[in-house]
Amino acid sequence: MKSSDFLLRAERLFNQISQDHEVLRIFKYHSLRVMYFSIYLGQQVGCDDDDLQIASLLHDIGKIGLAKEILLKPSKLDELEYQIIQAHSTIGNNILRKTLNMPRAAVFVRDHHERWDGKGYPRGLEKENISTQGRIIGICDAFDTMTIDRRNYNRRTLTYQEAIRELKRCSWTQFDGKLVDLFESLIHDLDLPTPEHWAENMETIEKIFAAKIID
């Protein structure tokens, strides 16, 4: 996997903030898994670079500005709370743009909750107007959330196959269907272990992707 001063700065920033912020600390491994999934998928479509790596690692860093009572609420969010949640994409965009001086990566963070049908946030972009990298991170984020990190709303996690079926069900409405099909083939190729064997084990996470991600 490629390395750069920007990526090292992003990792240091993430680790520094997550040490002092409970929510980011809780979702640290989620962010790492989303990064590896995104790099792997990005390589298949020729858009893997430092900006994608950084944006996928820091896609949720905007949650630093939100209350954990909302982020970890065990019941359905009300309309105001949902609007507050949506702000994390914009906050993350600002952090990457102003703190890391990486405007391109900032766009990918901003875009990762946009939807193919234009019903996402924060700008209501649709189809190819959403950056490819933002679409990639959105798929990888959704898959990992469904299978491992459904800590809010007291929802049960889904099996890998159930999560893939949900991604496919939402193809061409929430997600880019071509990227979903490609992601499905990559998940089969990865032969992932059960979540409890890799969810919070950095060595295992790296081992799973080591032979797949090209330097």
N, C-alpha and C. Protein backbone atom coordinates (compact mmCIF):
# COMPACT_ATOMS: atom_id res chain seq x y z
N MET A 1 0.84 -1.18 0.00
CA MET A 1 0.00 0.00 0.00
C MET A 1 0.88 1.23 0.00
N LYS A 2 0.51 2.21 -0.80
CA LYS A 2 1.31 3.42 -0.92
C LYS A 2 1.32 4.21 0.37
N SER A 3 2.41 4.97 0.56
CA SER A 3 2.51 5.83 1.71
C SER A 3 2.96 7.20 1.26
N SER A 4 2.64 8.22 2.00
CA SER A 4 3.04 9.57 1.67
C SER A 4 3.00 10.41 2.93
N ASP A 5 3.61 11.60 2.84
CA ASP A 5 3.56 12.51 3.98
C ASP A 5 2.12 12.86 4.32
N PHE A 6 1.26 13.02 3.30
CA PHE A 6 -0.13 13.37 3.54
C PHE A 6 -0.84 12.26 4.30
N LEU A 7 -0.60 11.01 3.89
CA LEU A 7 -1.26 9.89 4.55
C LEU A 7 -0.79 9.77 6.00
N LEU A 8 0.51 9.95 6.22
CA LEU A 8 1.02 9.88 7.59
C LEU A 8 0.43 11.01 8.44
N ARG A 9 0.30 12.19 7.87
CA ARG A 9 -0.31 13.30 8.59
C ARG A 9 -1.76 12.99 8.93
N ALA A 10 -2.48 12.38 7.97
CA ALA A 10 -3.88 12.03 8.21
C ALA A 10 -4.00 11.00 9.31
N GLU A 11 -3.12 10.00 9.30
CA GLU A 11 -3.17 8.96 10.32
C GLU A 11 -2.85 9.54 11.70
N ARG A 12 -1.86 10.43 11.75
CA ARG A 12 -1.53 11.07 13.03
C ARG A 12 -2.69 11.91 13.53
N LEU A 13 -3.32 12.65 12.61
CA LEU A 13 -4.46 13.47 12.99
C LEU A 13 -5.60 12.60 13.52
N PHE A 14 -5.89 11.52 12.82
CA PHE A 14 -6.96 10.62 13.25
C PHE A 14 -6.65 10.03 14.62
N ASN A 15 -5.44 9.54 14.80
CA ASN A 15 -5.07 8.92 16.08
C ASN A 15 -5.09 9.94 17.21
N GLN A 16 -4.61 11.14 16.93
CA GLN A 16 -4.60 12.19 17.95
C GLN A 16 -6.01 12.54 18.40
N ILE A 17 -6.90 12.72 17.43
CA ILE A 17 -8.27 13.10 17.77
C ILE A 17 -9.02 11.94 18.42
N SER A 18 -8.85 10.74 17.89
CA SER A 18 -9.61 9.59 18.40
C SER A 18 -9.22 9.24 19.83
N GLN A 19 -8.00 9.53 20.21
CA GLN A 19 -7.58 9.26 21.59
C GLN A 19 -8.39 10.07 22.59
N ASP A 20 -8.79 11.26 22.19
CA ASP A 20 -9.48 12.18 23.10
C ASP A 20 -10.96 12.32 22.80
N HIS A 21 -11.47 11.52 21.87
CA HIS A 21 -12.87 11.68 21.49
C HIS A 21 -13.53 10.30 21.47
N GLU A 22 -14.46 10.08 22.35
CA GLU A 22 -15.02 8.74 22.57
C GLU A 22 -15.63 8.14 21.32
N VAL A 23 -16.40 8.94 20.57
CA VAL A 23 -17.08 8.41 19.39
C VAL A 23 -16.07 7.97 18.34
N LEU A 24 -15.09 8.82 18.05
CA LEU A 24 -14.10 8.44 17.05
C LEU A 24 -13.28 7.25 17.51
N ARG A 25 -13.03 7.15 18.80
CA ARG A 25 -12.29 6.01 19.34
C ARG A 25 -13.10 4.73 19.14
N ILE A 26 -14.40 4.81 19.36
CA ILE A 26 -15.28 3.65 19.17
C ILE A 26 -15.27 3.19 17.72
N PHE A 27 -15.25 4.15 16.79
CA PHE A 27 -15.35 3.82 15.38
C PHE A 27 -13.99 3.77 14.68
N LYS A 28 -12.92 3.70 15.45
CA LYS A 28 -11.58 3.67 14.85
C LYS A 28 -11.43 2.51 13.87
N TYR A 29 -11.80 1.32 14.31
CA TYR A 29 -11.60 0.16 13.45
C TYR A 29 -12.55 0.18 12.25
N HIS A 30 -13.74 0.73 12.45
CA HIS A 30 -14.64 0.92 11.32
C HIS A 30 -13.96 1.77 10.25
N SER A 31 -13.35 2.87 10.66
CA SER A 31 -12.68 3.76 9.71
C SER A 31 -11.54 3.04 8.99
N LEU A 32 -10.79 2.24 9.71
CA LEU A 32 -9.69 1.50 9.09
C LEU A 32 -10.20 0.47 8.09
N ARG A 33 -11.27 -0.24 8.44
CA ARG A 33 -11.81 -1.23 7.50
C ARG A 33 -12.37 -0.55 6.26
N VAL A 34 -13.07 0.57 6.44
CA VAL A 34 -13.60 1.29 5.29
C VAL A 34 -12.46 1.76 4.39
N MET A 35 -11.36 2.19 4.98
CA MET A 35 -10.20 2.60 4.19
C MET A 35 -9.71 1.44 3.32
N TYR A 36 -9.53 0.27 3.92
CA TYR A 36 -9.01 -0.86 3.16
C TYR A 36 -10.00 -1.32 2.09
N PHE A 37 -11.28 -1.40 2.42
CA PHE A 37 -12.27 -1.73 1.41
C PHE A 37 -12.23 -0.74 0.26
N SER A 38 -12.13 0.54 0.58
CA SER A 38 -12.16 1.59 -0.45
C SER A 38 -10.92 1.55 -1.34
N ILE A 39 -9.76 1.31 -0.73
CA ILE A 39 -8.54 1.18 -1.53
C ILE A 39 -8.67 0.01 -2.50
N TYR A 40 -9.16 -1.13 -2.00
CA TYR A 40 -9.29 -2.33 -2.83
C TYR A 40 -10.26 -2.09 -3.98
N LEU A 41 -11.42 -1.50 -3.68
CA LEU A 41 -12.39 -1.22 -4.74
C LEU A 41 -11.85 -0.13 -5.67
N GLY A 42 -11.21 0.88 -5.11
CA GLY A 42 -10.67 1.96 -5.94
C GLY A 42 -9.63 1.47 -6.92
N GLN A 43 -8.83 0.50 -6.53
CA GLN A 43 -7.82 -0.03 -7.44
C GLN A 43 -8.46 -0.71 -8.65
N GLN A 44 -9.61 -1.29 -8.45
CA GLN A 44 -10.27 -2.00 -9.56
C GLN A 44 -10.78 -1.05 -10.63
N VAL A 45 -11.03 0.20 -10.26
CA VAL A 45 -11.54 1.17 -11.24
C VAL A 45 -10.53 2.28 -11.53
N GLY A 46 -9.30 2.08 -11.07
CA GLY A 46 -8.22 2.98 -11.42
C GLY A 46 -8.26 4.34 -10.76
N CYS A 47 -8.82 4.43 -9.57
CA CYS A 47 -8.85 5.74 -8.91
C CYS A 47 -8.30 5.68 -7.49
N ASP A 48 -7.41 4.72 -7.25
CA ASP A 48 -6.77 4.64 -5.93
C ASP A 48 -5.58 5.59 -5.88
N ASP A 49 -5.60 6.50 -4.95
CA ASP A 49 -4.46 7.39 -4.73
C ASP A 49 -4.50 7.87 -3.29
N ASP A 50 -3.57 8.74 -2.93
CA ASP A 50 -3.51 9.20 -1.54
C ASP A 50 -4.79 9.88 -1.10
N ASP A 51 -5.42 10.62 -2.01
CA ASP A 51 -6.64 11.34 -1.64
C ASP A 51 -7.76 10.38 -1.25
N LEU A 52 -7.91 9.27 -1.98
CA LEU A 52 -8.92 8.28 -1.63
C LEU A 52 -8.57 7.62 -0.30
N GLN A 53 -7.32 7.28 -0.11
CA GLN A 53 -6.91 6.64 1.14
C GLN A 53 -7.21 7.53 2.34
N ILE A 54 -6.85 8.79 2.22
CA ILE A 54 -7.06 9.72 3.32
C ILE A 54 -8.54 9.97 3.56
N ALA A 55 -9.28 10.20 2.47
CA ALA A 55 -10.71 10.48 2.61
C ALA A 55 -11.46 9.31 3.22
N SER A 56 -11.11 8.09 2.82
CA SER A 56 -11.80 6.91 3.36
C SER A 56 -11.45 6.69 4.83
N LEU A 57 -10.21 6.94 5.21
CA LEU A 57 -9.83 6.82 6.61
C LEU A 57 -10.54 7.87 7.46
N LEU A 58 -10.67 9.08 6.94
CA LEU A 58 -11.21 10.20 7.71
C LEU A 58 -12.65 10.53 7.34
N HIS A 59 -13.36 9.58 6.71
CA HIS A 59 -14.71 9.90 6.23
C HIS A 59 -15.66 10.30 7.35
N ASP A 60 -15.42 9.81 8.56
CA ASP A 60 -16.30 10.13 9.70
C ASP A 60 -15.69 11.13 10.67
N ILE A 61 -14.59 11.76 10.30
CA ILE A 61 -13.92 12.64 11.25
C ILE A 61 -14.80 13.84 11.62
N GLY A 62 -15.75 14.18 10.76
CA GLY A 62 -16.68 15.27 11.06
C GLY A 62 -17.56 15.00 12.26
N LYS A 63 -17.61 13.74 12.70
CA LYS A 63 -18.43 13.41 13.87
C LYS A 63 -17.83 13.97 15.16
N ILE A 64 -16.60 14.46 15.08
CA ILE A 64 -16.00 15.08 16.25
C ILE A 64 -16.82 16.27 16.73
N GLY A 65 -17.56 16.88 15.82
CA GLY A 65 -18.34 18.05 16.18
C GLY A 65 -19.75 17.75 16.65
N LEU A 66 -20.10 16.46 16.76
CA LEU A 66 -21.47 16.07 17.09
C LEU A 66 -21.52 15.37 18.45
N ALA A 67 -22.62 15.52 19.14
CA ALA A 67 -22.78 14.95 20.47
C ALA A 67 -22.94 13.43 20.39
N LYS A 68 -22.29 12.72 21.30
CA LYS A 68 -22.39 11.26 21.29
C LYS A 68 -23.81 10.80 21.62
N GLU A 69 -24.57 11.65 22.35
CA GLU A 69 -25.95 11.29 22.67
C GLU A 69 -26.79 11.13 21.42
N ILE A 70 -26.40 11.85 20.36
CA ILE A 70 -27.09 11.73 19.07
C ILE A 70 -26.46 10.62 18.25
N LEU A 71 -25.13 10.61 18.17
CA LEU A 71 -24.45 9.63 17.33
C LEU A 71 -24.69 8.20 17.79
N LEU A 72 -24.82 8.00 19.09
CA LEU A 72 -25.01 6.65 19.63
C LEU A 72 -26.41 6.45 20.21
N LYS A 73 -27.33 7.26 19.77
CA LYS A 73 -28.70 7.15 20.28
C LYS A 73 -29.28 5.77 19.99
N PRO A 74 -29.82 5.09 20.98
CA PRO A 74 -30.30 3.72 20.79
C PRO A 74 -31.69 3.61 20.17
N SER A 75 -32.27 4.72 19.78
CA SER A 75 -33.59 4.70 19.14
C SER A 75 -33.55 5.59 17.90
N LYS A 76 -34.64 5.63 17.19
CA LYS A 76 -34.68 6.37 15.93
C LYS A 76 -34.46 7.85 16.16
N LEU A 77 -33.68 8.46 15.26
CA LEU A 77 -33.43 9.89 15.35
C LEU A 77 -34.69 10.67 14.95
N ASP A 78 -34.91 11.82 15.62
CA ASP A 78 -35.98 12.69 15.15
C ASP A 78 -35.45 13.56 14.02
N GLU A 79 -36.29 14.39 13.44
CA GLU A 79 -35.91 15.15 12.25
C GLU A 79 -34.73 16.09 12.51
N LEU A 80 -34.75 16.76 13.65
CA LEU A 80 -33.66 17.68 13.98
C LEU A 80 -32.36 16.92 14.18
N GLU A 81 -32.42 15.80 14.89
CA GLU A 81 -31.22 15.01 15.14
C GLU A 81 -30.63 14.48 13.83
N TYR A 82 -31.50 14.10 12.90
CA TYR A 82 -31.02 13.60 11.61
C TYR A 82 -30.32 14.72 10.84
N GLN A 83 -30.86 15.93 10.91
CA GLN A 83 -30.21 17.06 10.26
C GLN A 83 -28.84 17.34 10.88
N ILE A 84 -28.74 17.18 12.19
CA ILE A 84 -27.46 17.36 12.87
C ILE A 84 -26.46 16.30 12.42
N ILE A 85 -26.90 15.05 12.31
CA ILE A 85 -26.04 13.97 11.83
C ILE A 85 -25.50 14.29 10.45
N GLN A 86 -26.35 14.82 9.59
CA GLN A 86 -25.94 15.13 8.23
C GLN A 86 -24.78 16.11 8.18
N ALA A 87 -24.64 16.91 9.22
CA ALA A 87 -23.59 17.94 9.24
C ALA A 87 -22.19 17.33 9.25
N HIS A 88 -22.05 16.04 9.60
CA HIS A 88 -20.69 15.51 9.73
C HIS A 88 -19.95 15.47 8.41
N SER A 89 -20.68 15.34 7.29
CA SER A 89 -20.01 15.35 5.99
C SER A 89 -19.39 16.72 5.70
N THR A 90 -20.12 17.76 6.04
CA THR A 90 -19.62 19.12 5.82
C THR A 90 -18.49 19.45 6.78
N ILE A 91 -18.62 19.03 8.04
CA ILE A 91 -17.56 19.28 9.01
C ILE A 91 -16.28 18.55 8.58
N GLY A 92 -16.42 17.30 8.16
CA GLY A 92 -15.26 16.54 7.69
C GLY A 92 -14.62 17.19 6.48
N ASN A 93 -15.44 17.66 5.57
CA ASN A 93 -14.95 18.38 4.40
C ASN A 93 -14.10 19.58 4.82
N ASN A 94 -14.57 20.32 5.79
CA ASN A 94 -13.85 21.51 6.26
C ASN A 94 -12.53 21.14 6.93
N ILE A 95 -12.54 20.03 7.70
CA ILE A 95 -11.30 19.62 8.37
C ILE A 95 -10.23 19.25 7.35
N LEU A 96 -10.60 18.47 6.33
CA LEU A 96 -9.61 18.08 5.32
C LEU A 96 -9.17 19.28 4.48
N ARG A 97 -10.11 20.16 4.20
CA ARG A 97 -9.79 21.31 3.36
C ARG A 97 -8.89 22.30 4.10
N LYS A 98 -9.21 22.57 5.36
CA LYS A 98 -8.51 23.63 6.09
C LYS A 98 -7.34 23.13 6.92
N THR A 99 -7.47 21.93 7.51
CA THR A 99 -6.40 21.42 8.38
C THR A 99 -5.32 20.69 7.59
N LEU A 100 -5.75 19.84 6.66
CA LEU A 100 -4.78 19.07 5.87
C LEU A 100 -4.47 19.73 4.53
N ASN A 101 -5.22 20.77 4.18
CA ASN A 101 -5.03 21.45 2.89
C ASN A 101 -5.13 20.47 1.73
N MET A 102 -6.17 19.63 1.78
CA MET A 102 -6.38 18.62 0.74
C MET A 102 -7.79 18.77 0.18
N PRO A 103 -8.01 19.76 -0.67
CA PRO A 103 -9.36 20.04 -1.18
C PRO A 103 -9.97 18.90 -1.98
N ARG A 104 -9.14 18.13 -2.69
CA ARG A 104 -9.69 17.02 -3.48
C ARG A 104 -10.20 15.92 -2.57
N ALA A 105 -9.41 15.52 -1.58
CA ALA A 105 -9.86 14.51 -0.62
C ALA A 105 -11.08 15.00 0.15
N ALA A 106 -11.13 16.30 0.42
CA ALA A 106 -12.27 16.88 1.14
C ALA A 106 -13.56 16.66 0.37
N VAL A 107 -13.50 16.75 -0.94
CA VAL A 107 -14.69 16.52 -1.77
C VAL A 107 -15.21 15.10 -1.59
N PHE A 108 -14.31 14.14 -1.50
CA PHE A 108 -14.73 12.74 -1.37
C PHE A 108 -15.43 12.52 -0.02
N VAL A 109 -14.91 13.15 1.03
CA VAL A 109 -15.56 13.06 2.34
C VAL A 109 -16.93 13.70 2.28
N ARG A 110 -17.01 14.86 1.66
CA ARG A 110 -18.29 15.56 1.54
C ARG A 110 -19.31 14.71 0.79
N ASP A 111 -18.86 13.93 -0.20
CA ASP A 111 -19.76 13.22 -1.12
C ASP A 111 -20.21 11.85 -0.63
N HIS A 112 -19.65 11.33 0.47
CA HIS A 112 -19.84 9.90 0.72
C HIS A 112 -21.26 9.54 1.20
N HIS A 113 -22.10 10.53 1.48
CA HIS A 113 -23.51 10.25 1.78
C HIS A 113 -24.46 10.80 0.71
N GLU A 114 -23.91 11.18 -0.43
CA GLU A 114 -24.77 11.50 -1.56
C GLU A 114 -25.35 10.20 -2.12
N ARG A 115 -26.47 10.31 -2.81
CA ARG A 115 -27.14 9.13 -3.37
C ARG A 115 -27.25 9.25 -4.88
N TRP A 116 -27.26 8.10 -5.55
CA TRP A 116 -27.37 8.06 -7.00
C TRP A 116 -28.64 8.78 -7.48
N ASP A 117 -29.73 8.68 -6.70
CA ASP A 117 -31.00 9.28 -7.10
C ASP A 117 -31.14 10.74 -6.69
N GLY A 118 -30.10 11.31 -6.09
CA GLY A 118 -30.13 12.72 -5.73
C GLY A 118 -30.77 13.02 -4.39
N LYS A 119 -31.09 11.98 -3.60
CA LYS A 119 -31.77 12.19 -2.33
C LYS A 119 -30.82 12.13 -1.12
N GLY A 120 -29.53 12.22 -1.38
CA GLY A 120 -28.56 12.17 -0.29
C GLY A 120 -28.23 13.56 0.22
N TYR A 121 -27.13 13.63 0.97
CA TYR A 121 -26.71 14.91 1.55
C TYR A 121 -25.18 15.00 1.50
N PRO A 122 -24.61 16.21 1.58
CA PRO A 122 -25.25 17.48 1.96
C PRO A 122 -25.79 18.30 0.79
N ARG A 123 -25.46 17.94 -0.48
CA ARG A 123 -25.82 18.82 -1.59
C ARG A 123 -26.87 18.24 -2.52
N GLY A 124 -27.32 17.02 -2.28
CA GLY A 124 -28.33 16.43 -3.15
C GLY A 124 -27.82 16.17 -4.56
N LEU A 125 -26.55 15.80 -4.69
CA LEU A 125 -25.98 15.47 -6.00
C LEU A 125 -26.55 14.14 -6.48
N GLU A 126 -26.48 13.92 -7.79
CA GLU A 126 -26.98 12.65 -8.32
C GLU A 126 -26.04 12.11 -9.39
N LYS A 127 -26.09 10.80 -9.55
CA LYS A 127 -25.39 10.07 -10.60
C LYS A 127 -23.91 10.46 -10.67
N GLU A 128 -23.41 10.72 -11.89
CA GLU A 128 -21.99 10.98 -12.06
C GLU A 128 -21.55 12.33 -11.50
N ASN A 129 -22.49 13.15 -11.06
CA ASN A 129 -22.10 14.39 -10.40
C ASN A 129 -21.47 14.13 -9.03
N ILE A 130 -21.69 12.94 -8.50
CA ILE A 130 -21.03 12.52 -7.26
C ILE A 130 -19.66 11.96 -7.64
N SER A 131 -18.63 12.37 -6.95
CA SER A 131 -17.30 11.84 -7.26
C SER A 131 -17.30 10.31 -7.16
N THR A 132 -16.56 9.67 -8.05
CA THR A 132 -16.45 8.21 -8.01
C THR A 132 -15.93 7.76 -6.64
N GLN A 133 -14.98 8.50 -6.10
CA GLN A 133 -14.41 8.14 -4.81
C GLN A 133 -15.44 8.28 -3.69
N GLY A 134 -16.27 9.29 -3.76
CA GLY A 134 -17.35 9.43 -2.79
C GLY A 134 -18.32 8.28 -2.87
N ARG A 135 -18.63 7.83 -4.09
CA ARG A 135 -19.51 6.67 -4.27
C ARG A 135 -18.88 5.40 -3.72
N ILE A 136 -17.57 5.25 -3.92
CA ILE A 136 -16.86 4.08 -3.39
C ILE A 136 -16.90 4.06 -1.87
N ILE A 137 -16.57 5.18 -1.25
CA ILE A 137 -16.57 5.23 0.22
C ILE A 137 -17.97 4.97 0.75
N GLY A 138 -18.99 5.49 0.08
CA GLY A 138 -20.37 5.27 0.53
C GLY A 138 -20.75 3.80 0.56
N ILE A 139 -20.35 3.05 -0.45
CA ILE A 139 -20.65 1.62 -0.50
C ILE A 139 -19.89 0.87 0.60
N CYS A 140 -18.61 1.17 0.73
CA CYS A 140 -17.79 0.47 1.73
C CYS A 140 -18.24 0.82 3.14
N ASP A 141 -18.60 2.06 3.37
CA ASP A 141 -19.11 2.50 4.68
C ASP A 141 -20.40 1.77 5.01
N ALA A 142 -21.32 1.69 4.05
CA ALA A 142 -22.60 1.04 4.28
C ALA A 142 -22.41 -0.45 4.58
N PHE A 143 -21.56 -1.12 3.80
CA PHE A 143 -21.34 -2.55 4.01
C PHE A 143 -20.77 -2.83 5.40
N ASP A 144 -19.77 -2.06 5.80
CA ASP A 144 -19.15 -2.29 7.11
C ASP A 144 -20.12 -1.98 8.24
N THR A 145 -20.89 -0.91 8.07
CA THR A 145 -21.87 -0.55 9.09
C THR A 145 -22.92 -1.65 9.25
N MET A 146 -23.40 -2.19 8.14
CA MET A 146 -24.43 -3.22 8.21
C MET A 146 -23.92 -4.52 8.82
N THR A 147 -22.66 -4.85 8.57
CA THR A 147 -22.16 -6.16 9.00
C THR A 147 -21.47 -6.16 10.35
N ILE A 148 -20.94 -5.02 10.77
CA ILE A 148 -20.18 -4.99 12.02
C ILE A 148 -20.61 -3.87 12.96
N ASP A 149 -20.79 -2.67 12.46
CA ASP A 149 -20.91 -1.51 13.35
C ASP A 149 -22.31 -0.92 13.44
N ARG A 150 -23.32 -1.74 13.54
CA ARG A 150 -24.68 -1.21 13.72
C ARG A 150 -24.93 -0.96 15.21
N ARG A 151 -24.19 -0.02 15.75
CA ARG A 151 -24.28 0.22 17.18
C ARG A 151 -25.45 1.13 17.54
N ASN A 152 -25.96 1.87 16.55
CA ASN A 152 -27.09 2.75 16.86
C ASN A 152 -28.39 2.07 16.43
N TYR A 153 -29.48 2.54 16.98
CA TYR A 153 -30.83 2.05 16.69
C TYR A 153 -31.07 0.62 17.15
N ASN A 154 -30.13 0.01 17.88
CA ASN A 154 -30.28 -1.37 18.36
C ASN A 154 -30.59 -2.35 17.24
N ARG A 155 -30.04 -2.11 16.06
CA ARG A 155 -30.28 -3.03 14.95
C ARG A 155 -29.29 -4.17 15.00
N ARG A 156 -29.75 -5.34 14.56
CA ARG A 156 -28.85 -6.48 14.49
C ARG A 156 -27.94 -6.30 13.28
N THR A 157 -26.75 -6.86 13.38
CA THR A 157 -25.87 -6.85 12.22
C THR A 157 -26.37 -7.86 11.19
N LEU A 158 -26.01 -7.62 9.95
CA LEU A 158 -26.38 -8.53 8.86
C LEU A 158 -25.20 -9.43 8.53
N THR A 159 -25.49 -10.59 7.96
CA THR A 159 -24.42 -11.41 7.41
C THR A 159 -23.86 -10.70 6.19
N TYR A 160 -22.69 -11.14 5.75
CA TYR A 160 -22.10 -10.54 4.55
C TYR A 160 -23.03 -10.66 3.36
N GLN A 161 -23.64 -11.82 3.20
CA GLN A 161 -24.53 -12.01 2.05
C GLN A 161 -25.79 -11.15 2.17
N GLU A 162 -26.32 -11.03 3.37
CA GLU A 162 -27.47 -10.16 3.57
C GLU A 162 -27.14 -8.70 3.24
N ALA A 163 -25.94 -8.28 3.63
CA ALA A 163 -25.53 -6.91 3.35
C ALA A 163 -25.34 -6.68 1.85
N ILE A 164 -24.77 -7.66 1.17
CA ILE A 164 -24.62 -7.54 -0.29
C ILE A 164 -25.99 -7.45 -0.95
N ARG A 165 -26.93 -8.26 -0.51
CA ARG A 165 -28.27 -8.20 -1.08
C ARG A 165 -28.90 -6.83 -0.85
N GLU A 166 -28.65 -6.23 0.32
CA GLU A 166 -29.18 -4.90 0.59
C GLU A 166 -28.53 -3.86 -0.30
N LEU A 167 -27.23 -3.96 -0.51
CA LEU A 167 -26.56 -3.05 -1.44
C LEU A 167 -27.15 -3.18 -2.84
N LYS A 168 -27.37 -4.40 -3.27
CA LYS A 168 -27.92 -4.62 -4.62
C LYS A 168 -29.37 -4.13 -4.70
N ARG A 169 -30.11 -4.30 -3.62
CA ARG A 169 -31.49 -3.80 -3.61
C ARG A 169 -31.51 -2.28 -3.78
N CYS A 170 -30.50 -1.63 -3.25
CA CYS A 170 -30.42 -0.17 -3.31
C CYS A 170 -29.59 0.34 -4.49
N SER A 171 -29.19 -0.57 -5.39
CA SER A 171 -28.46 -0.14 -6.58
C SER A 171 -29.32 0.75 -7.46
N TRP A 172 -28.70 1.78 -7.99
CA TRP A 172 -29.32 2.75 -8.88
C TRP A 172 -30.36 3.62 -8.20
N THR A 173 -30.48 3.50 -6.86
CA THR A 173 -31.25 4.47 -6.09
C THR A 173 -30.30 5.15 -5.10
N GLN A 174 -29.74 4.36 -4.19
CA GLN A 174 -28.76 4.92 -3.26
C GLN A 174 -27.34 4.80 -3.79
N PHE A 175 -27.03 3.67 -4.43
CA PHE A 175 -25.65 3.39 -4.82
C PHE A 175 -25.50 3.24 -6.33
N ASP A 176 -24.27 3.45 -6.79
CA ASP A 176 -23.88 3.19 -8.17
C ASP A 176 -23.89 1.67 -8.37
N GLY A 177 -24.81 1.17 -9.20
CA GLY A 177 -24.99 -0.26 -9.36
C GLY A 177 -23.77 -0.98 -9.91
N LYS A 178 -23.03 -0.33 -10.79
CA LYS A 178 -21.83 -0.97 -11.34
C LYS A 178 -20.78 -1.18 -10.25
N LEU A 179 -20.63 -0.18 -9.40
CA LEU A 179 -19.67 -0.32 -8.30
C LEU A 179 -20.13 -1.37 -7.30
N VAL A 180 -21.43 -1.48 -7.07
CA VAL A 180 -21.95 -2.51 -6.17
C VAL A 180 -21.64 -3.90 -6.72
N ASP A 181 -21.85 -4.10 -8.01
CA ASP A 181 -21.56 -5.41 -8.62
C ASP A 181 -20.08 -5.75 -8.47
N LEU A 182 -19.22 -4.77 -8.70
CA LEU A 182 -17.79 -5.00 -8.56
C LEU A 182 -17.42 -5.28 -7.11
N PHE A 183 -18.02 -4.53 -6.19
CA PHE A 183 -17.76 -4.74 -4.77
C PHE A 183 -18.19 -6.14 -4.35
N GLU A 184 -19.30 -6.62 -4.86
CA GLU A 184 -19.76 -7.97 -4.54
C GLU A 184 -18.71 -9.01 -4.92
N SER A 185 -18.13 -8.86 -6.11
CA SER A 185 -17.12 -9.83 -6.54
C SER A 185 -15.87 -9.75 -5.66
N LEU A 186 -15.53 -8.55 -5.19
CA LEU A 186 -14.37 -8.40 -4.33
C LEU A 186 -14.60 -9.03 -2.96
N ILE A 187 -15.81 -8.91 -2.44
CA ILE A 187 -16.13 -9.52 -1.14
C ILE A 187 -16.02 -11.03 -1.23
N HIS A 188 -16.51 -11.61 -2.32
CA HIS A 188 -16.37 -13.06 -2.50
C HIS A 188 -14.89 -13.44 -2.56
N ASP A 189 -14.08 -12.61 -3.21
CA ASP A 189 -12.66 -12.89 -3.37
C ASP A 189 -11.92 -12.79 -2.04
N LEU A 190 -12.37 -11.88 -1.16
CA LEU A 190 -11.69 -11.69 0.12
C LEU A 190 -11.90 -12.84 1.09
N ASP A 191 -13.03 -13.52 0.98
CA ASP A 191 -13.34 -14.63 1.89
C ASP A 191 -13.18 -14.19 3.34
N LEU A 192 -13.97 -13.21 3.74
CA LEU A 192 -13.84 -12.57 5.05
C LEU A 192 -14.15 -13.54 6.19
N PRO A 193 -13.42 -13.44 7.29
CA PRO A 193 -13.75 -14.25 8.48
C PRO A 193 -14.98 -13.67 9.17
N THR A 194 -15.47 -14.37 10.16
CA THR A 194 -16.59 -13.83 10.92
C THR A 194 -16.16 -12.54 11.62
N PRO A 195 -17.08 -11.59 11.81
CA PRO A 195 -16.71 -10.28 12.35
C PRO A 195 -15.92 -10.34 13.65
N GLU A 196 -16.27 -11.24 14.55
CA GLU A 196 -15.58 -11.26 15.84
C GLU A 196 -14.09 -11.62 15.71
N HIS A 197 -13.70 -12.17 14.56
CA HIS A 197 -12.31 -12.56 14.37
C HIS A 197 -11.46 -11.45 13.75
N TRP A 198 -12.11 -10.35 13.33
CA TRP A 198 -11.29 -9.30 12.74
C TRP A 198 -11.80 -7.89 13.02
N ALA A 199 -12.93 -7.75 13.68
CA ALA A 199 -13.55 -6.44 13.85
C ALA A 199 -12.63 -5.43 14.53
N GLU A 200 -11.89 -5.85 15.54
CA GLU A 200 -11.02 -4.92 16.27
C GLU A 200 -9.62 -5.51 16.43
N ASN A 201 -9.15 -6.12 15.36
CA ASN A 201 -7.82 -6.73 15.37
C ASN A 201 -7.04 -6.17 14.18
N MET A 202 -6.17 -5.19 14.44
CA MET A 202 -5.46 -4.52 13.37
C MET A 202 -4.60 -5.47 12.56
N GLU A 203 -3.96 -6.42 13.22
CA GLU A 203 -3.10 -7.38 12.52
C GLU A 203 -3.91 -8.20 11.52
N THR A 204 -5.10 -8.64 11.94
CA THR A 204 -5.94 -9.44 11.04
C THR A 204 -6.49 -8.59 9.91
N ILE A 205 -6.89 -7.36 10.21
CA ILE A 205 -7.39 -6.46 9.15
C ILE A 205 -6.33 -6.29 8.08
N GLU A 206 -5.10 -6.02 8.48
CA GLU A 206 -4.02 -5.82 7.52
C GLU A 206 -3.72 -7.10 6.75
N LYS A 207 -3.77 -8.24 7.44
CA LYS A 207 -3.49 -9.52 6.79
C LYS A 207 -4.52 -9.85 5.71
N ILE A 208 -5.78 -9.56 5.97
CA ILE A 208 -6.84 -9.84 5.01
C ILE A 208 -6.59 -9.15 3.68
N PHE A 209 -6.13 -7.90 3.75
CA PHE A 209 -5.97 -7.10 2.55
C PHE A 209 -4.55 -7.10 1.98
N ALA A 210 -3.59 -7.64 2.73
CA ALA A 210 -2.19 -7.54 2.33
C ALA A 210 -1.93 -8.12 0.94
N ALA A 211 -2.52 -9.26 0.66
CA ALA A 211 -2.26 -9.92 -0.62
C ALA A 211 -3.13 -9.37 -1.76
N LYS A 212 -4.08 -8.50 -1.42
CA LYS A 212 -5.02 -7.99 -2.41
C LYS A 212 -4.69 -6.60 -2.91
N ILE A 213 -4.16 -5.77 -2.00
CA ILE A 213 -3.90 -4.38 -2.33
C ILE A 213 -2.50 -4.26 -2.91
N ILE A 214 -2.41 -3.65 -4.08
CA ILE A 214 -1.16 -3.52 -4.81
C ILE A 214 -0.45 -2.25 -4.37
N ASP A 215 0.84 -2.37 -4.09
CA ASP A 215 1.63 -1.20 -3.73
C ASP A 215 1.77 -0.27 -4.92
